[in-house]
Amino acid sequence: MTTFHDDKLWQEAYTAVIDLCALAGENEVIEQAQKLGLKTLTIIADGVSRRDRRERDTKLRDAAGKVAGVRSLLSVAWAQEAIDDTTFSKLDGAYESLGNKLPK
């Protein structure tokens, strides 16, 4: 029996949130992005664990919305100069890639 840990989508979300959580600082927007990134990871774990296809798709569509939220918060943090161009590019790219793999 496989678990969500074996799912490629979950693994991609896991890698993205680990990088996101590595950001340091006392910026409220970054903290909100980190919380939303963790929530996204748990929603994906829940979704890929579902046997019922409709339930899985519903959870993963919810995760797609959360990915958009993380990317929006990252944009605000970048505009506030709380993260540099390179960090923003890396994180936004990771979440863009993840979002492209989720159902809309």
PDB file of N, CA and C in Angstrom:
ATOM      1  N   MET A   1       0.837  -1.181   0.000  1.00  0.00           N
ATOM      2  CA  MET A   1       0.000   0.000   0.000  1.00  0.00           C
ATOM      3  C   MET A   1       0.886   1.250   0.000  1.00  0.00           C
ATOM      4  N   THR A   2       0.610   2.153  -0.888  1.00  0.00           N
ATOM      5  CA  THR A   2       1.388   3.386  -0.944  1.00  0.00           C
ATOM      6  C   THR A   2       0.709   4.460  -0.090  1.00  0.00           C
ATOM      7  N   THR A   3       1.499   5.416   0.312  1.00  0.00           N
ATOM      8  CA  THR A   3       0.975   6.526   1.094  1.00  0.00           C
ATOM      9  C   THR A   3       1.176   7.814   0.313  1.00  0.00           C
ATOM     10  N   PHE A   4       0.657   8.887   0.864  1.00  0.00           N
ATOM     11  CA  PHE A   4       0.822  10.176   0.204  1.00  0.00           C
ATOM     12  C   PHE A   4       2.295  10.540   0.068  1.00  0.00           C
ATOM     13  N   HIS A   5       3.163  10.010   0.937  1.00  0.00           N
ATOM     14  CA  HIS A   5       4.597  10.300   0.847  1.00  0.00           C
ATOM     15  C   HIS A   5       5.189   9.857  -0.491  1.00  0.00           C
ATOM     16  N   ASP A   6       4.582   8.854  -1.109  1.00  0.00           N
ATOM     17  CA  ASP A   6       5.084   8.332  -2.372  1.00  0.00           C
ATOM     18  C   ASP A   6       4.564   9.094  -3.586  1.00  0.00           C
ATOM     19  N   ASP A   7       3.600   9.970  -3.371  1.00  0.00           N
ATOM     20  CA  ASP A   7       2.971  10.684  -4.475  1.00  0.00           C
ATOM     21  C   ASP A   7       3.877  11.828  -4.951  1.00  0.00           C
ATOM     22  N   LYS A   8       4.114  11.899  -6.249  1.00  0.00           N
ATOM     23  CA  LYS A   8       5.010  12.914  -6.825  1.00  0.00           C
ATOM     24  C   LYS A   8       4.493  14.331  -6.596  1.00  0.00           C
ATOM     25  N   LEU A   9       3.186  14.519  -6.667  1.00  0.00           N
ATOM     26  CA  LEU A   9       2.599  15.835  -6.436  1.00  0.00           C
ATOM     27  C   LEU A   9       2.864  16.294  -5.000  1.00  0.00           C
ATOM     28  N   TRP A  10       2.645  15.395  -4.036  1.00  0.00           N
ATOM     29  CA  TRP A  10       2.903  15.732  -2.641  1.00  0.00           C
ATOM     30  C   TRP A  10       4.388  16.030  -2.441  1.00  0.00           C
ATOM     31  N   GLN A  11       5.254  15.253  -3.060  1.00  0.00           N
ATOM     32  CA  GLN A  11       6.695  15.468  -2.918  1.00  0.00           C
ATOM     33  C   GLN A  11       7.101  16.846  -3.442  1.00  0.00           C
ATOM     34  N   GLU A  12       6.486  17.264  -4.540  1.00  0.00           N
ATOM     35  CA  GLU A  12       6.793  18.589  -5.086  1.00  0.00           C
ATOM     36  C   GLU A  12       6.314  19.686  -4.131  1.00  0.00           C
ATOM     37  N   ALA A  13       5.123  19.507  -3.566  1.00  0.00           N
ATOM     38  CA  ALA A  13       4.596  20.472  -2.595  1.00  0.00           C
ATOM     39  C   ALA A  13       5.476  20.509  -1.344  1.00  0.00           C
ATOM     40  N   TYR A  14       5.943  19.365  -0.922  1.00  0.00           N
ATOM     41  CA  TYR A  14       6.810  19.250   0.255  1.00  0.00           C
ATOM     42  C   TYR A  14       8.109  20.030   0.036  1.00  0.00           C
ATOM     43  N   THR A  15       8.729  19.833  -1.103  1.00  0.00           N
ATOM     44  CA  THR A  15       9.979  20.533  -1.414  1.00  0.00           C
ATOM     45  C   THR A  15       9.766  22.043  -1.448  1.00  0.00           C
ATOM     46  N   ALA A  16       8.660  22.459  -2.061  1.00  0.00           N
ATOM     47  CA  ALA A  16       8.373  23.891  -2.150  1.00  0.00           C
ATOM     48  C   ALA A  16       8.168  24.506  -0.762  1.00  0.00           C
ATOM     49  N   VAL A  17       7.431  23.821   0.099  1.00  0.00           N
ATOM     50  CA  VAL A  17       7.153  24.397   1.425  1.00  0.00           C
ATOM     51  C   VAL A  17       8.394  24.363   2.309  1.00  0.00           C
ATOM     52  N   ILE A  18       9.256  23.385   2.146  1.00  0.00           N
ATOM     53  CA  ILE A  18      10.508  23.371   2.912  1.00  0.00           C
ATOM     54  C   ILE A  18      11.343  24.604   2.558  1.00  0.00           C
ATOM     55  N   ASP A  19      11.429  24.912   1.267  1.00  0.00           N
ATOM     56  CA  ASP A  19      12.160  26.116   0.843  1.00  0.00           C
ATOM     57  C   ASP A  19      11.487  27.383   1.367  1.00  0.00           C
ATOM     58  N   LEU A  20      10.171  27.404   1.341  1.00  0.00           N
ATOM     59  CA  LEU A  20       9.420  28.555   1.830  1.00  0.00           C
ATOM     60  C   LEU A  20       9.635  28.747   3.334  1.00  0.00           C
ATOM     61  N   CYS A  21       9.587  27.672   4.076  1.00  0.00           N
ATOM     62  CA  CYS A  21       9.759  27.748   5.536  1.00  0.00           C
ATOM     63  C   CYS A  21      11.193  28.080   5.935  1.00  0.00           C
ATOM     64  N   ALA A  22      12.129  27.944   5.020  1.00  0.00           N
ATOM     65  CA  ALA A  22      13.518  28.284   5.312  1.00  0.00           C
ATOM     66  C   ALA A  22      13.745  29.796   5.356  1.00  0.00           C
ATOM     67  N   LEU A  23      12.781  30.559   4.851  1.00  0.00           N
ATOM     68  CA  LEU A  23      12.904  32.012   4.893  1.00  0.00           C
ATOM     69  C   LEU A  23      12.873  32.481   6.341  1.00  0.00           C
ATOM     70  N   ALA A  24      13.765  33.375   6.656  1.00  0.00           N
ATOM     71  CA  ALA A  24      13.821  33.913   8.010  1.00  0.00           C
ATOM     72  C   ALA A  24      13.302  35.341   8.005  1.00  0.00           C
ATOM     73  N   GLY A  25      13.069  35.833   9.161  1.00  0.00           N
ATOM     74  CA  GLY A  25      12.667  37.229   9.257  1.00  0.00           C
ATOM     75  C   GLY A  25      11.387  37.396  10.033  1.00  0.00           C
ATOM     76  N   GLU A  26      11.105  38.630  10.298  1.00  0.00           N
ATOM     77  CA  GLU A  26       9.924  38.977  11.082  1.00  0.00           C
ATOM     78  C   GLU A  26       8.883  39.646  10.201  1.00  0.00           C
ATOM     79  N   ASN A  27       8.747  39.186   8.984  1.00  0.00           N
ATOM     80  CA  ASN A  27       7.796  39.781   8.054  1.00  0.00           C
ATOM     81  C   ASN A  27       6.475  39.021   8.117  1.00  0.00           C
ATOM     82  N   GLU A  28       5.398  39.752   8.388  1.00  0.00           N
ATOM     83  CA  GLU A  28       4.076  39.136   8.537  1.00  0.00           C
ATOM     84  C   GLU A  28       3.608  38.467   7.249  1.00  0.00           C
ATOM     85  N   VAL A  29       3.919  39.044   6.120  1.00  0.00           N
ATOM     86  CA  VAL A  29       3.487  38.468   4.838  1.00  0.00           C
ATOM     87  C   VAL A  29       4.187  37.133   4.601  1.00  0.00           C
ATOM     88  N   ILE A  30       5.462  37.058   4.898  1.00  0.00           N
ATOM     89  CA  ILE A  30       6.191  35.794   4.750  1.00  0.00           C
ATOM     90  C   ILE A  30       5.615  34.747   5.702  1.00  0.00           C
ATOM     91  N   GLU A  31       5.324  35.145   6.922  1.00  0.00           N
ATOM     92  CA  GLU A  31       4.728  34.210   7.883  1.00  0.00           C
ATOM     93  C   GLU A  31       3.386  33.680   7.376  1.00  0.00           C
ATOM     94  N   GLN A  32       2.575  34.556   6.787  1.00  0.00           N
ATOM     95  CA  GLN A  32       1.290  34.122   6.230  1.00  0.00           C
ATOM     96  C   GLN A  32       1.504  33.178   5.052  1.00  0.00           C
ATOM     97  N   ALA A  33       2.493  33.470   4.216  1.00  0.00           N
ATOM     98  CA  ALA A  33       2.800  32.595   3.075  1.00  0.00           C
ATOM     99  C   ALA A  33       3.244  31.222   3.569  1.00  0.00           C
ATOM    100  N   GLN A  34       4.050  31.196   4.615  1.00  0.00           N
ATOM    101  CA  GLN A  34       4.516  29.924   5.172  1.00  0.00           C
ATOM    102  C   GLN A  34       3.346  29.106   5.717  1.00  0.00           C
ATOM    103  N   LYS A  35       2.449  29.755   6.447  1.00  0.00           N
ATOM    104  CA  LYS A  35       1.272  29.056   6.980  1.00  0.00           C
ATOM    105  C   LYS A  35       0.402  28.523   5.850  1.00  0.00           C
ATOM    106  N   LEU A  36       0.201  29.341   4.823  1.00  0.00           N
ATOM    107  CA  LEU A  36      -0.621  28.899   3.697  1.00  0.00           C
ATOM    108  C   LEU A  36       0.071  27.777   2.920  1.00  0.00           C
ATOM    109  N   GLY A  37       1.389  27.853   2.803  1.00  0.00           N
ATOM    110  CA  GLY A  37       2.138  26.785   2.146  1.00  0.00           C
ATOM    111  C   GLY A  37       1.996  25.464   2.892  1.00  0.00           C
ATOM    112  N   LEU A  38       2.058  25.517   4.220  1.00  0.00           N
ATOM    113  CA  LEU A  38       1.870  24.304   5.030  1.00  0.00           C
ATOM    114  C   LEU A  38       0.447  23.771   4.896  1.00  0.00           C
ATOM    115  N   LYS A  39      -0.521  24.669   4.870  1.00  0.00           N
ATOM    116  CA  LYS A  39      -1.920  24.260   4.684  1.00  0.00           C
ATOM    117  C   LYS A  39      -2.084  23.592   3.319  1.00  0.00           C
ATOM    118  N   THR A  40      -1.454  24.153   2.314  1.00  0.00           N
ATOM    119  CA  THR A  40      -1.512  23.583   0.967  1.00  0.00           C
ATOM    120  C   THR A  40      -0.953  22.161   0.957  1.00  0.00           C
ATOM    121  N   LEU A  41       0.159  21.970   1.625  1.00  0.00           N
ATOM    122  CA  LEU A  41       0.770  20.640   1.698  1.00  0.00           C
ATOM    123  C   LEU A  41      -0.175  19.633   2.339  1.00  0.00           C
ATOM    124  N   THR A  42      -0.842  20.032   3.412  1.00  0.00           N
ATOM    125  CA  THR A  42      -1.752  19.096   4.083  1.00  0.00           C
ATOM    126  C   THR A  42      -2.989  18.812   3.247  1.00  0.00           C
ATOM    127  N   ILE A  43      -3.459  19.797   2.510  1.00  0.00           N
ATOM    128  CA  ILE A  43      -4.617  19.573   1.630  1.00  0.00           C
ATOM    129  C   ILE A  43      -4.238  18.609   0.511  1.00  0.00           C
ATOM    130  N   ILE A  44      -3.053  18.755  -0.042  1.00  0.00           N
ATOM    131  CA  ILE A  44      -2.593  17.839  -1.093  1.00  0.00           C
ATOM    132  C   ILE A  44      -2.451  16.433  -0.525  1.00  0.00           C
ATOM    133  N   ALA A  45      -1.888  16.306   0.668  1.00  0.00           N
ATOM    134  CA  ALA A  45      -1.772  14.983   1.299  1.00  0.00           C
ATOM    135  C   ALA A  45      -3.148  14.354   1.458  1.00  0.00           C
ATOM    136  N   ASP A  46      -4.110  15.142   1.911  1.00  0.00           N
ATOM    137  CA  ASP A  46      -5.477  14.649   2.070  1.00  0.00           C
ATOM    138  C   ASP A  46      -6.045  14.228   0.714  1.00  0.00           C
ATOM    139  N   GLY A  47      -5.848  15.069  -0.288  1.00  0.00           N
ATOM    140  CA  GLY A  47      -6.393  14.777  -1.610  1.00  0.00           C
ATOM    141  C   GLY A  47      -5.828  13.517  -2.235  1.00  0.00           C
ATOM    142  N   VAL A  48      -4.525  13.374  -2.201  1.00  0.00           N
ATOM    143  CA  VAL A  48      -3.916  12.203  -2.849  1.00  0.00           C
ATOM    144  C   VAL A  48      -4.166  10.927  -2.061  1.00  0.00           C
ATOM    145  N   SER A  49      -4.598  11.072  -0.811  1.00  0.00           N
ATOM    146  CA  SER A  49      -4.927   9.892   0.008  1.00  0.00           C
ATOM    147  C   SER A  49      -6.338   9.371  -0.255  1.00  0.00           C
ATOM    148  N   ARG A  50      -7.143  10.163  -0.931  1.00  0.00           N
ATOM    149  CA  ARG A  50      -8.541   9.794  -1.170  1.00  0.00           C
ATOM    150  C   ARG A  50      -8.660   8.740  -2.250  1.00  0.00           C
ATOM    151  N   ARG A  51      -9.513   7.774  -2.007  1.00  0.00           N
ATOM    152  CA  ARG A  51      -9.798   6.746  -3.015  1.00  0.00           C
ATOM    153  C   ARG A  51     -10.862   7.216  -3.996  1.00  0.00           C
ATOM    154  N   ASP A  52     -11.791   8.002  -3.495  1.00  0.00           N
ATOM    155  CA  ASP A  52     -12.867   8.514  -4.337  1.00  0.00           C
ATOM    156  C   ASP A  52     -12.328   9.638  -5.227  1.00  0.00           C
ATOM    157  N   ARG A  53     -12.476   9.453  -6.519  1.00  0.00           N
ATOM    158  CA  ARG A  53     -11.907  10.392  -7.499  1.00  0.00           C
ATOM    159  C   ARG A  53     -12.469  11.808  -7.341  1.00  0.00           C
ATOM    160  N   ARG A  54     -13.764  11.914  -7.087  1.00  0.00           N
ATOM    161  CA  ARG A  54     -14.369  13.239  -6.938  1.00  0.00           C
ATOM    162  C   ARG A  54     -13.837  13.954  -5.699  1.00  0.00           C
ATOM    163  N   GLU A  55     -13.702  13.217  -4.610  1.00  0.00           N
ATOM    164  CA  GLU A  55     -13.151  13.824  -3.391  1.00  0.00           C
ATOM    165  C   GLU A  55     -11.707  14.268  -3.616  1.00  0.00           C
ATOM    166  N   ARG A  56     -10.950  13.428  -4.286  1.00  0.00           N
ATOM    167  CA  ARG A  56      -9.556  13.767  -4.597  1.00  0.00           C
ATOM    168  C   ARG A  56      -9.483  15.054  -5.421  1.00  0.00           C
ATOM    169  N   ASP A  57     -10.280  15.111  -6.484  1.00  0.00           N
ATOM    170  CA  ASP A  57     -10.266  16.287  -7.353  1.00  0.00           C
ATOM    171  C   ASP A  57     -10.709  17.550  -6.618  1.00  0.00           C
ATOM    172  N   THR A  58     -11.703  17.419  -5.743  1.00  0.00           N
ATOM    173  CA  THR A  58     -12.177  18.568  -4.973  1.00  0.00           C
ATOM    174  C   THR A  58     -11.065  19.102  -4.077  1.00  0.00           C
ATOM    175  N   LYS A  59     -10.382  18.216  -3.371  1.00  0.00           N
ATOM    176  CA  LYS A  59      -9.278  18.628  -2.499  1.00  0.00           C
ATOM    177  C   LYS A  59      -8.148  19.276  -3.306  1.00  0.00           C
ATOM    178  N   LEU A  60      -7.813  18.680  -4.436  1.00  0.00           N
ATOM    179  CA  LEU A  60      -6.709  19.211  -5.231  1.00  0.00           C
ATOM    180  C   LEU A  60      -7.070  20.544  -5.887  1.00  0.00           C
ATOM    181  N   ARG A  61      -8.342  20.743  -6.223  1.00  0.00           N
ATOM    182  CA  ARG A  61      -8.771  22.059  -6.735  1.00  0.00           C
ATOM    183  C   ARG A  61      -8.654  23.106  -5.632  1.00  0.00           C
ATOM    184  N   ASP A  62      -8.987  22.717  -4.409  1.00  0.00           N
ATOM    185  CA  ASP A  62      -8.825  23.622  -3.268  1.00  0.00           C
ATOM    186  C   ASP A  62      -7.350  23.979  -3.092  1.00  0.00           C
ATOM    187  N   ALA A  63      -6.486  23.007  -3.237  1.00  0.00           N
ATOM    188  CA  ALA A  63      -5.047  23.249  -3.120  1.00  0.00           C
ATOM    189  C   ALA A  63      -4.566  24.216  -4.204  1.00  0.00           C
ATOM    190  N   ALA A  64      -5.154  24.134  -5.405  1.00  0.00           N
ATOM    191  CA  ALA A  64      -4.773  25.045  -6.492  1.00  0.00           C
ATOM    192  C   ALA A  64      -5.062  26.491  -6.092  1.00  0.00           C
ATOM    193  N   GLY A  65      -6.176  26.711  -5.433  1.00  0.00           N
ATOM    194  CA  GLY A  65      -6.498  28.052  -4.950  1.00  0.00           C
ATOM    195  C   GLY A  65      -5.515  28.526  -3.896  1.00  0.00           C
ATOM    196  N   LYS A  66      -5.091  27.617  -3.041  1.00  0.00           N
ATOM    197  CA  LYS A  66      -4.119  27.952  -1.999  1.00  0.00           C
ATOM    198  C   LYS A  66      -2.755  28.287  -2.611  1.00  0.00           C
ATOM    199  N   VAL A  67      -2.397  27.580  -3.685  1.00  0.00           N
ATOM    200  CA  VAL A  67      -1.139  27.871  -4.389  1.00  0.00           C
ATOM    201  C   VAL A  67      -1.172  29.300  -4.924  1.00  0.00           C
ATOM    202  N   ALA A  68      -2.304  29.700  -5.493  1.00  0.00           N
ATOM    203  CA  ALA A  68      -2.441  31.079  -5.984  1.00  0.00           C
ATOM    204  C   ALA A  68      -2.269  32.071  -4.836  1.00  0.00           C
ATOM    205  N   GLY A  69      -2.788  31.710  -3.669  1.00  0.00           N
ATOM    206  CA  GLY A  69      -2.620  32.567  -2.500  1.00  0.00           C
ATOM    207  C   GLY A  69      -1.171  32.692  -2.072  1.00  0.00           C
ATOM    208  N   VAL A  70      -0.458  31.576  -2.058  1.00  0.00           N
ATOM    209  CA  VAL A  70       0.969  31.605  -1.700  1.00  0.00           C
ATOM    210  C   VAL A  70       1.731  32.493  -2.681  1.00  0.00           C
ATOM    211  N   ARG A  71       1.450  32.331  -3.960  1.00  0.00           N
ATOM    212  CA  ARG A  71       2.153  33.129  -4.970  1.00  0.00           C
ATOM    213  C   ARG A  71       1.845  34.618  -4.817  1.00  0.00           C
ATOM    214  N   SER A  72       0.613  34.926  -4.459  1.00  0.00           N
ATOM    215  CA  SER A  72       0.240  36.332  -4.235  1.00  0.00           C
ATOM    216  C   SER A  72       0.999  36.904  -3.044  1.00  0.00           C
ATOM    217  N   LEU A  73       1.067  36.147  -1.964  1.00  0.00           N
ATOM    218  CA  LEU A  73       1.791  36.608  -0.776  1.00  0.00           C
ATOM    219  C   LEU A  73       3.283  36.756  -1.061  1.00  0.00           C
ATOM    220  N   LEU A  74       3.836  35.839  -1.836  1.00  0.00           N
ATOM    221  CA  LEU A  74       5.242  35.970  -2.221  1.00  0.00           C
ATOM    222  C   LEU A  74       5.476  37.252  -3.024  1.00  0.00           C
ATOM    223  N   SER A  75       4.540  37.588  -3.883  1.00  0.00           N
ATOM    224  CA  SER A  75       4.653  38.825  -4.672  1.00  0.00           C
ATOM    225  C   SER A  75       4.665  40.051  -3.770  1.00  0.00           C
ATOM    226  N   VAL A  76       3.818  40.045  -2.752  1.00  0.00           N
ATOM    227  CA  VAL A  76       3.784  41.165  -1.812  1.00  0.00           C
ATOM    228  C   VAL A  76       5.094  41.234  -1.027  1.00  0.00           C
ATOM    229  N   ALA A  77       5.574  40.097  -0.559  1.00  0.00           N
ATOM    230  CA  ALA A  77       6.845  40.074   0.178  1.00  0.00           C
ATOM    231  C   ALA A  77       7.985  40.584  -0.694  1.00  0.00           C
ATOM    232  N   TRP A  78       7.976  40.221  -1.964  1.00  0.00           N
ATOM    233  CA  TRP A  78       9.003  40.696  -2.894  1.00  0.00           C
ATOM    234  C   TRP A  78       8.885  42.211  -3.076  1.00  0.00           C
ATOM    235  N   ALA A  79       7.652  42.717  -3.229  1.00  0.00           N
ATOM    236  CA  ALA A  79       7.441  44.160  -3.398  1.00  0.00           C
ATOM    237  C   ALA A  79       7.880  44.933  -2.156  1.00  0.00           C
ATOM    238  N   GLN A  80       7.749  44.311  -0.994  1.00  0.00           N
ATOM    239  CA  GLN A  80       8.200  44.933   0.257  1.00  0.00           C
ATOM    240  C   GLN A  80       9.706  44.791   0.456  1.00  0.00           C
ATOM    241  N   GLU A  81      10.356  44.112  -0.480  1.00  0.00           N
ATOM    242  CA  GLU A  81      11.788  43.825  -0.417  1.00  0.00           C
ATOM    243  C   GLU A  81      12.147  42.954   0.787  1.00  0.00           C
ATOM    244  N   ALA A  82      11.179  42.128   1.203  1.00  0.00           N
ATOM    245  CA  ALA A  82      11.434  41.163   2.272  1.00  0.00           C
ATOM    246  C   ALA A  82      12.151  39.931   1.736  1.00  0.00           C
ATOM    247  N   ILE A  83      12.038  39.698   0.419  1.00  0.00           N
ATOM    248  CA  ILE A  83      12.796  38.633  -0.247  1.00  0.00           C
ATOM    249  C   ILE A  83      13.414  39.221  -1.513  1.00  0.00           C
ATOM    250  N   ASP A  84      14.567  38.699  -1.866  1.00  0.00           N
ATOM    251  CA  ASP A  84      15.266  39.219  -3.047  1.00  0.00           C
ATOM    252  C   ASP A  84      14.731  38.574  -4.333  1.00  0.00           C
ATOM    253  N   ASP A  85      15.194  39.078  -5.451  1.00  0.00           N
ATOM    254  CA  ASP A  85      14.727  38.613  -6.762  1.00  0.00           C
ATOM    255  C   ASP A  85      14.953  37.116  -6.963  1.00  0.00           C
ATOM    256  N   THR A  86      16.125  36.645  -6.581  1.00  0.00           N
ATOM    257  CA  THR A  86      16.465  35.241  -6.778  1.00  0.00           C
ATOM    258  C   THR A  86      15.559  34.330  -5.959  1.00  0.00           C
ATOM    259  N   THR A  87      15.364  34.682  -4.705  1.00  0.00           N
ATOM    260  CA  THR A  87      14.505  33.880  -3.827  1.00  0.00           C
ATOM    261  C   THR A  87      13.070  33.900  -4.323  1.00  0.00           C
ATOM    262  N   PHE A  88      12.600  35.082  -4.708  1.00  0.00           N
ATOM    263  CA  PHE A  88      11.240  35.181  -5.235  1.00  0.00           C
ATOM    264  C   PHE A  88      11.078  34.304  -6.477  1.00  0.00           C
ATOM    265  N   SER A  89      12.031  34.401  -7.388  1.00  0.00           N
ATOM    266  CA  SER A  89      11.972  33.615  -8.626  1.00  0.00           C
ATOM    267  C   SER A  89      11.918  32.123  -8.339  1.00  0.00           C
ATOM    268  N   LYS A  90      12.768  31.674  -7.435  1.00  0.00           N
ATOM    269  CA  LYS A  90      12.829  30.244  -7.101  1.00  0.00           C
ATOM    270  C   LYS A  90      11.511  29.769  -6.493  1.00  0.00           C
ATOM    271  N   LEU A  91      11.015  30.486  -5.483  1.00  0.00           N
ATOM    272  CA  LEU A  91       9.793  30.064  -4.807  1.00  0.00           C
ATOM    273  C   LEU A  91       8.567  30.204  -5.698  1.00  0.00           C
ATOM    274  N   ASP A  92       8.459  31.331  -6.392  1.00  0.00           N
ATOM    275  CA  ASP A  92       7.307  31.537  -7.269  1.00  0.00           C
ATOM    276  C   ASP A  92       7.297  30.494  -8.385  1.00  0.00           C
ATOM    277  N   GLY A  93       8.464  30.185  -8.911  1.00  0.00           N
ATOM    278  CA  GLY A  93       8.565  29.152  -9.949  1.00  0.00           C
ATOM    279  C   GLY A  93       8.156  27.779  -9.447  1.00  0.00           C
ATOM    280  N   ALA A  94       8.557  27.461  -8.219  1.00  0.00           N
ATOM    281  CA  ALA A  94       8.190  26.165  -7.630  1.00  0.00           C
ATOM    282  C   ALA A  94       6.677  26.072  -7.455  1.00  0.00           C
ATOM    283  N   TYR A  95       6.066  27.148  -6.963  1.00  0.00           N
ATOM    284  CA  TYR A  95       4.614  27.125  -6.767  1.00  0.00           C
ATOM    285  C   TYR A  95       3.855  27.228  -8.086  1.00  0.00           C
ATOM    286  N   GLU A  96       4.427  27.905  -9.075  1.00  0.00           N
ATOM    287  CA  GLU A  96       3.801  27.933 -10.401  1.00  0.00           C
ATOM    288  C   GLU A  96       3.772  26.510 -10.989  1.00  0.00           C
ATOM    289  N   SER A  97       4.895  25.813 -10.897  1.00  0.00           N
ATOM    290  CA  SER A  97       4.982  24.450 -11.400  1.00  0.00           C
ATOM    291  C   SER A  97       3.973  23.547 -10.691  1.00  0.00           C
ATOM    292  N   LEU A  98       3.899  23.674  -9.373  1.00  0.00           N
ATOM    293  CA  LEU A  98       2.951  22.883  -8.602  1.00  0.00           C
ATOM    294  C   LEU A  98       1.517  23.197  -9.018  1.00  0.00           C
ATOM    295  N   GLY A  99       1.209  24.470  -9.139  1.00  0.00           N
ATOM    296  CA  GLY A  99      -0.138  24.886  -9.538  1.00  0.00           C
ATOM    297  C   GLY A  99      -0.536  24.358 -10.905  1.00  0.00           C
ATOM    298  N   ASN A 100       0.426  24.265 -11.808  1.00  0.00           N
ATOM    299  CA  ASN A 100       0.135  23.750 -13.158  1.00  0.00           C
ATOM    300  C   ASN A 100      -0.208  22.261 -13.144  1.00  0.00           C
ATOM    301  N   LYS A 101       0.155  21.562 -12.096  1.00  0.00           N
ATOM    302  CA  LYS A 101      -0.117  20.129 -12.000  1.00  0.00           C
ATOM    303  C   LYS A 101      -1.415  19.821 -11.256  1.00  0.00           C
ATOM    304  N   LEU A 102      -2.018  20.852 -10.690  1.00  0.00           N
ATOM    305  CA  LEU A 102      -3.265  20.668  -9.951  1.00  0.00           C
ATOM    306  C   LEU A 102      -4.461  20.940 -10.863  1.00  0.00           C
ATOM    307  N   PRO A 103      -5.582  20.254 -10.614  1.00  0.00           N
ATOM    308  CA  PRO A 103      -6.764  20.519 -11.447  1.00  0.00           C
ATOM    309  C   PRO A 103      -7.315  21.909 -11.189  1.00  0.00           C
ATOM    310  N   LYS A 104      -7.848  22.499 -12.200  1.00  0.00           N
ATOM    311  CA  LYS A 104      -8.425  23.849 -12.089  1.00  0.00           C
ATOM    312  C   LYS A 104      -9.922  23.764 -11.917  1.00  0.00           C
TER     313      LYS A 104
END
